[in-house]
Amino acid sequence: MRIDAATAEVLECFERRGVRGLLLKGASIARWLYVDATDRPYADCDVLVAPTDFDAGEEALKSLGYVKPFDDRRMPSWWREHANEWHRPSDGVCVDVHRTLVGVGVDDATAWRALSANTEHVLVAGRPVAALSLPARAMHVALHATQHGVRWPLGMADLERALTAGDDDLWRRAAVVAAELQAMEAFIAGLRMAPAGKHLIVRLALPDVSSVDAELRAGSPPPLALGFEQLARAPGMRARVEIAWRKFVPPPAFMRHWDPRAANGPMALARAYLRRPLWLLRRAPTGLRAWYRARRSVRAAGSR
């Protein structure tokens, strides 16, 4: 399989250069949850990289012919994603280099220490590669389901299979990992997405916690809904104005990533900047309603 071969190549290159990385999802999920691993498709390779090795990991990817469409290192911390996508033009393979996982509340270094403390090896293209331990993998399945929400069939299929494959002891240990990573809100939100997960929460007496962010994600939010929560959490009016301004007028590199037509020259970039506020304003009402519903739901849960 092309993705497996690329995954093995990337992690072998990392190992040669002393870059510490862990396989996320992909073959580690397919071989755990599916009788035939080919029944679980994956279109890219996801790797968690130690924070101190991040630059070396990017150099390793460049040596293998990968390029990064958008570099967010100069963006504010609130803008930066949990991962950067790298693409290899020669064969179309994509690699997502993760700093952390969506839903995790601790800093990147703490997350790496927790997730790399206990690992397992999985065969990928005939080569053993380091992957998350089974409890951390189960936790990640729940976080990933929350990240993409109920409308993403693949995440729901993984979650339902993991709830069947893992016994209560495994999920109890997964909950310990989630607590260590300050990811309980996203973990619980993921479990709630499946009937078996709701029963598991009761059996294990897991905490009834929630957050607006996790509630929104689990519901597959419309565009801008998460942005309204970002504004609500910002520390003061100055920070909110900065976020709003950046959303309306992002840097040119982001605009070319957001709208590929903007890469066709200065006039095309100017047209993209004109389209940006219209795109935001058209989607704002739907996003605001979804954010308000999620906030009201979390408040109601907290008052019970």
Protein backbone atom coordinates (compact mmCIF):
# COMPACT_ATOMS: atom_id res chain seq x y z
CA MET A 1 0.00 0.00 0.00
CA ARG A 2 1.37 3.38 -1.04
CA ILE A 3 0.62 5.18 2.25
CA ASP A 4 2.15 2.39 4.33
CA ALA A 5 5.31 2.44 2.23
CA ALA A 6 5.56 6.22 2.62
CA THR A 7 4.92 5.95 6.38
CA ALA A 8 7.72 3.42 6.80
CA GLU A 9 10.03 5.58 4.68
CA VAL A 10 9.31 8.71 6.74
CA LEU A 11 9.76 7.02 10.11
CA GLU A 12 12.94 5.27 8.94
CA CYS A 13 14.32 8.63 7.82
CA PHE A 14 13.36 10.12 11.19
CA GLU A 15 15.17 7.31 12.98
CA ARG A 16 18.36 7.84 10.95
CA ARG A 17 18.32 11.54 11.81
CA GLY A 18 17.50 11.04 15.49
CA VAL A 19 13.98 12.44 15.18
CA ARG A 20 11.57 10.92 17.68
CA GLY A 21 8.17 10.21 16.15
CA LEU A 22 5.11 8.08 16.82
CA LEU A 23 2.63 6.73 14.29
CA LEU A 24 -0.93 7.97 14.82
CA LYS A 25 -3.98 6.20 13.38
CA GLY A 26 -3.41 4.61 9.96
CA ALA A 27 -2.06 1.08 10.16
CA SER A 28 -2.10 1.10 13.97
CA ILE A 29 -5.90 1.51 13.94
CA ALA A 30 -6.57 -0.69 10.91
CA ARG A 31 -4.67 -3.67 12.33
CA TRP A 32 -6.24 -3.31 15.77
CA LEU A 33 -9.89 -2.84 14.84
CA TYR A 34 -10.41 -4.43 11.43
CA VAL A 35 -10.12 -8.11 10.48
CA ASP A 36 -8.90 -7.03 7.06
CA ALA A 37 -6.78 -3.90 7.41
CA THR A 38 -7.73 -2.85 3.88
CA ASP A 39 -11.29 -2.31 5.12
CA ARG A 40 -10.07 0.78 6.98
CA PRO A 41 -8.95 3.31 4.31
CA TYR A 42 -6.56 6.14 5.13
CA ALA A 43 -5.35 8.73 2.68
CA ASP A 44 -2.36 10.13 4.54
CA CYS A 45 0.24 9.42 7.20
CA ASP A 46 -0.10 10.98 10.66
CA VAL A 47 2.98 11.26 12.88
CA LEU A 48 3.40 12.84 16.30
CA VAL A 49 6.86 14.40 16.63
CA ALA A 50 8.74 15.36 19.80
CA PRO A 51 8.65 19.17 20.16
CA THR A 52 12.44 19.48 20.37
CA ASP A 53 12.80 17.43 17.16
CA PHE A 54 10.21 19.34 15.14
CA ASP A 55 12.65 21.35 13.02
CA ALA A 56 14.80 18.27 12.33
CA GLY A 57 11.67 16.36 11.35
CA GLU A 58 10.73 19.03 8.84
CA GLU A 59 14.22 18.92 7.34
CA ALA A 60 13.88 15.14 7.03
CA LEU A 61 10.61 15.55 5.15
CA LYS A 62 12.20 18.07 2.80
CA SER A 63 14.97 15.56 2.05
CA LEU A 64 12.28 13.06 0.98
CA GLY A 65 10.71 15.55 -1.43
CA TYR A 66 7.84 16.84 0.72
CA VAL A 67 6.74 20.47 0.73
CA LYS A 68 4.56 22.37 3.21
CA PRO A 69 1.76 24.37 1.51
CA PHE A 70 1.35 26.71 4.48
CA ASP A 71 3.82 27.47 7.27
CA ASP A 72 1.93 28.66 10.36
CA ARG A 73 4.96 29.23 12.61
CA ARG A 74 4.65 33.02 12.28
CA MET A 75 0.95 32.94 13.10
CA PRO A 76 -0.37 33.72 16.61
CA SER A 77 -0.54 30.74 18.95
CA TRP A 78 -4.35 30.73 18.84
CA TRP A 79 -4.26 30.31 15.06
CA ARG A 80 -1.80 27.44 14.85
CA GLU A 81 -3.26 24.01 14.13
CA HIS A 82 -2.46 20.79 15.96
CA ALA A 83 -0.63 19.54 12.85
CA ASN A 84 1.01 20.74 9.64
CA GLU A 85 0.30 19.06 6.33
CA TRP A 86 3.20 18.11 4.05
CA HIS A 87 2.66 17.03 0.45
CA ARG A 88 4.96 15.25 -2.00
CA PRO A 89 4.21 16.37 -5.58
CA SER A 90 5.94 13.36 -7.16
CA ASP A 91 3.40 10.82 -5.87
CA GLY A 92 0.70 12.84 -4.11
CA VAL A 93 1.43 11.40 -0.64
CA CYS A 94 0.49 13.59 2.32
CA VAL A 95 2.04 13.51 5.79
CA ASP A 96 0.45 15.28 8.76
CA VAL A 97 3.12 16.20 11.31
CA HIS A 98 1.43 16.59 14.69
CA ARG A 99 2.51 18.81 17.54
CA THR A 100 -0.34 17.51 19.68
CA LEU A 101 -3.84 16.01 19.44
CA VAL A 102 -7.07 17.97 19.17
CA GLY A 103 -8.73 18.12 22.58
CA VAL A 104 -5.52 17.96 24.62
CA GLY A 105 -5.13 20.73 27.21
CA VAL A 106 -1.49 20.34 28.28
CA ASP A 107 1.44 21.89 26.40
CA ASP A 108 3.14 20.01 23.57
CA ALA A 109 6.13 18.88 25.64
CA THR A 110 3.94 17.43 28.38
CA ALA A 111 1.75 15.68 25.81
CA TRP A 112 4.81 14.13 24.15
CA ARG A 113 6.19 12.86 27.44
CA ALA A 114 2.88 11.25 28.35
CA LEU A 115 2.25 9.66 24.96
CA SER A 116 5.82 8.48 24.37
CA ALA A 117 6.30 7.00 27.85
CA ASN A 118 4.65 3.73 26.79
CA THR A 119 4.57 2.75 23.13
CA GLU A 120 4.03 -0.33 21.01
CA HIS A 121 5.45 -1.39 17.67
CA VAL A 122 3.24 -1.98 14.65
CA LEU A 123 4.32 -3.55 11.37
CA VAL A 124 4.00 -1.06 8.53
CA ALA A 125 5.15 -2.17 5.07
CA GLY A 126 7.09 -4.95 6.77
CA ARG A 127 8.90 -2.62 9.15
CA PRO A 128 8.22 -2.24 12.90
CA VAL A 129 7.41 1.38 13.75
CA ALA A 130 6.65 3.00 17.11
CA ALA A 131 2.97 3.75 17.71
CA LEU A 132 0.77 4.81 20.61
CA SER A 133 0.16 2.26 23.34
CA LEU A 134 -3.24 0.57 23.19
CA PRO A 135 -4.78 2.72 25.99
CA ALA A 136 -3.51 5.90 24.33
CA ARG A 137 -4.76 4.62 20.97
CA ALA A 138 -8.24 4.01 22.43
CA MET A 139 -8.22 7.50 23.90
CA HIS A 140 -7.17 8.95 20.54
CA VAL A 141 -10.01 7.14 18.78
CA ALA A 142 -12.44 8.96 21.10
CA LEU A 143 -10.68 12.31 20.65
CA HIS A 144 -10.62 11.84 16.88
CA ALA A 145 -14.34 11.08 16.82
CA THR A 146 -14.97 14.29 18.74
CA GLN A 147 -12.67 16.25 16.43
CA HIS A 148 -14.67 15.39 13.30
CA GLY A 149 -18.11 14.86 14.81
CA VAL A 150 -21.03 12.54 14.26
CA ARG A 151 -21.27 13.31 10.55
CA TRP A 152 -17.90 11.68 9.82
CA PRO A 153 -18.62 7.97 9.19
CA LEU A 154 -15.03 6.73 9.43
CA GLY A 155 -14.47 8.22 12.88
CA MET A 156 -17.75 6.78 14.12
CA ALA A 157 -16.88 3.35 12.72
CA ASP A 158 -13.50 3.40 14.49
CA LEU A 159 -15.15 4.47 17.75
CA GLU A 160 -17.83 1.80 17.65
CA ARG A 161 -15.29 -0.92 16.83
CA ALA A 162 -12.93 0.27 19.57
CA LEU A 163 -15.74 0.19 22.13
CA THR A 164 -16.43 -3.41 21.13
CA ALA A 165 -12.78 -4.49 20.94
CA GLY A 166 -11.65 -2.88 24.20
CA ASP A 167 -12.74 -4.17 27.59
CA ASP A 168 -13.50 -1.96 30.57
CA ASP A 169 -9.94 -2.23 31.86
CA LEU A 170 -8.54 -0.86 28.59
CA TRP A 171 -10.99 2.05 28.61
CA ARG A 172 -10.26 2.75 32.26
CA ARG A 173 -6.58 3.09 31.36
CA ALA A 174 -7.54 5.22 28.34
CA ALA A 175 -9.40 7.54 30.72
CA VAL A 176 -6.27 7.82 32.87
CA VAL A 177 -4.29 8.94 29.79
CA ALA A 178 -7.02 11.46 28.91
CA ALA A 179 -6.94 12.89 32.43
CA GLU A 180 -3.14 13.20 32.31
CA LEU A 181 -3.43 15.13 29.04
CA GLN A 182 -6.29 17.32 30.33
CA ALA A 183 -8.41 15.91 27.53
CA MET A 184 -11.35 14.55 29.53
CA GLU A 185 -13.92 16.89 27.96
CA ALA A 186 -13.09 15.75 24.43
CA PHE A 187 -12.72 12.12 25.57
CA ILE A 188 -16.15 12.06 27.22
CA ALA A 189 -17.74 13.92 24.30
CA GLY A 190 -16.39 11.23 21.96
CA LEU A 191 -17.71 8.38 24.08
CA ARG A 192 -21.14 10.03 24.25
CA MET A 193 -21.37 9.87 20.46
CA ALA A 194 -22.01 6.09 20.56
CA PRO A 195 -24.60 4.19 22.64
CA ALA A 196 -21.92 1.77 23.87
CA GLY A 197 -19.82 4.75 24.93
CA LYS A 198 -22.66 6.18 27.01
CA HIS A 199 -23.00 2.83 28.81
CA LEU A 200 -19.23 2.76 29.34
CA ILE A 201 -19.28 6.20 31.00
CA VAL A 202 -21.84 4.92 33.49
CA ARG A 203 -20.07 1.59 34.16
CA LEU A 204 -16.72 3.25 34.79
CA ALA A 205 -18.25 6.18 36.68
CA LEU A 206 -16.36 8.59 34.47
CA PRO A 207 -16.76 12.30 35.27
CA ASP A 208 -19.67 14.12 33.64
CA VAL A 209 -17.59 16.90 32.12
CA SER A 210 -18.11 18.95 28.97
CA SER A 211 -16.87 22.06 27.23
CA VAL A 212 -18.28 24.24 24.48
CA ASP A 213 -15.37 23.35 22.19
CA ALA A 214 -15.88 19.59 22.59
CA GLU A 215 -19.67 19.92 22.32
CA LEU A 216 -19.32 21.86 19.08
CA ARG A 217 -16.82 19.50 17.53
CA ALA A 218 -18.82 16.40 18.39
CA GLY A 219 -21.80 17.88 16.57
CA SER A 220 -19.81 18.49 13.34
CA PRO A 221 -20.10 22.28 13.63
CA PRO A 222 -20.71 24.64 10.70
CA PRO A 223 -17.94 27.06 9.68
CA LEU A 224 -17.13 29.81 12.21
CA ALA A 225 -18.84 28.12 15.19
CA LEU A 226 -15.48 27.26 16.73
CA GLY A 227 -14.30 30.77 15.91
CA PHE A 228 -17.04 32.26 18.08
CA GLU A 229 -15.89 30.08 20.98
CA GLN A 230 -12.33 31.24 20.33
CA LEU A 231 -13.51 34.84 20.60
CA ALA A 232 -15.44 34.08 23.79
CA ARG A 233 -12.35 32.56 25.44
CA ALA A 234 -9.99 35.37 24.38
CA PRO A 235 -8.53 37.32 27.35
CA GLY A 236 -10.07 40.74 26.88
CA MET A 237 -11.33 43.04 24.15
CA ARG A 238 -7.90 43.71 22.63
CA ALA A 239 -7.35 40.01 22.04
CA ARG A 240 -10.83 39.66 20.53
CA VAL A 241 -10.21 42.54 18.13
CA GLU A 242 -6.91 40.99 17.07
CA ILE A 243 -8.55 37.62 16.41
CA ALA A 244 -11.39 39.21 14.42
CA TRP A 245 -8.97 41.31 12.38
CA ARG A 246 -6.79 38.31 11.59
CA LYS A 247 -9.84 36.31 10.54
CA PHE A 248 -10.94 39.03 8.12
CA VAL A 249 -7.46 39.93 6.86
CA PRO A 250 -5.12 36.92 7.14
CA PRO A 251 -1.52 36.96 5.84
CA PRO A 252 -1.05 36.40 2.08
CA ALA A 253 0.44 32.92 2.64
CA PHE A 254 -2.73 31.81 4.39
CA MET A 255 -4.93 33.37 1.68
CA ARG A 256 -3.12 31.36 -0.99
CA HIS A 257 -3.73 28.25 1.11
CA TRP A 258 -7.37 29.13 1.80
CA ASP A 259 -8.14 29.99 -1.84
CA PRO A 260 -5.71 28.42 -4.36
CA ARG A 261 -6.86 30.95 -6.97
CA ALA A 262 -5.07 33.63 -4.94
CA ALA A 263 -1.73 32.14 -6.03
CA ASN A 264 -2.30 33.33 -9.61
CA GLY A 265 -0.82 36.78 -9.06
CA PRO A 266 -1.42 40.07 -7.19
CA MET A 267 -4.84 40.70 -8.74
CA ALA A 268 -6.01 37.20 -7.88
CA LEU A 269 -4.79 37.71 -4.31
CA ALA A 270 -6.64 41.03 -4.10
CA ARG A 271 -9.86 39.35 -5.30
CA ALA A 272 -9.43 36.68 -2.63
CA TYR A 273 -9.17 39.39 0.03
CA LEU A 274 -12.42 40.88 -1.28
CA ARG A 275 -14.12 37.46 -1.12
CA ARG A 276 -12.91 36.72 2.40
CA PRO A 277 -15.22 39.07 4.40
CA LEU A 278 -18.21 38.09 2.26
CA TRP A 279 -17.46 34.40 2.93
CA LEU A 280 -17.25 35.08 6.67
CA LEU A 281 -20.38 37.22 6.87
CA ARG A 282 -22.50 34.70 4.94
CA ARG A 283 -21.55 31.94 7.37
CA ALA A 284 -21.59 33.94 10.59
CA PRO A 285 -25.31 33.56 11.48
CA THR A 286 -25.27 29.76 11.20
CA GLY A 287 -22.02 29.52 13.15
CA LEU A 288 -23.30 31.87 15.85
CA ARG A 289 -26.48 29.84 16.32
CA ALA A 290 -24.50 26.58 16.63
CA TRP A 291 -22.12 28.17 19.16
CA TYR A 292 -25.00 29.55 21.22
CA ARG A 293 -26.74 26.14 21.30
CA ALA A 294 -23.53 24.42 22.41
CA ARG A 295 -22.91 27.00 25.13
CA ARG A 296 -26.49 26.66 26.38
CA SER A 297 -26.20 22.85 26.40
CA VAL A 298 -22.95 22.94 28.42
CA ARG A 299 -24.45 25.39 30.92
CA ALA A 300 -27.54 23.22 31.33
CA ALA A 301 -25.36 20.16 31.92
CA GLY A 302 -23.34 22.04 34.52
CA SER A 303 -26.44 23.06 36.43
CA ARG A 304 -27.68 19.48 36.84
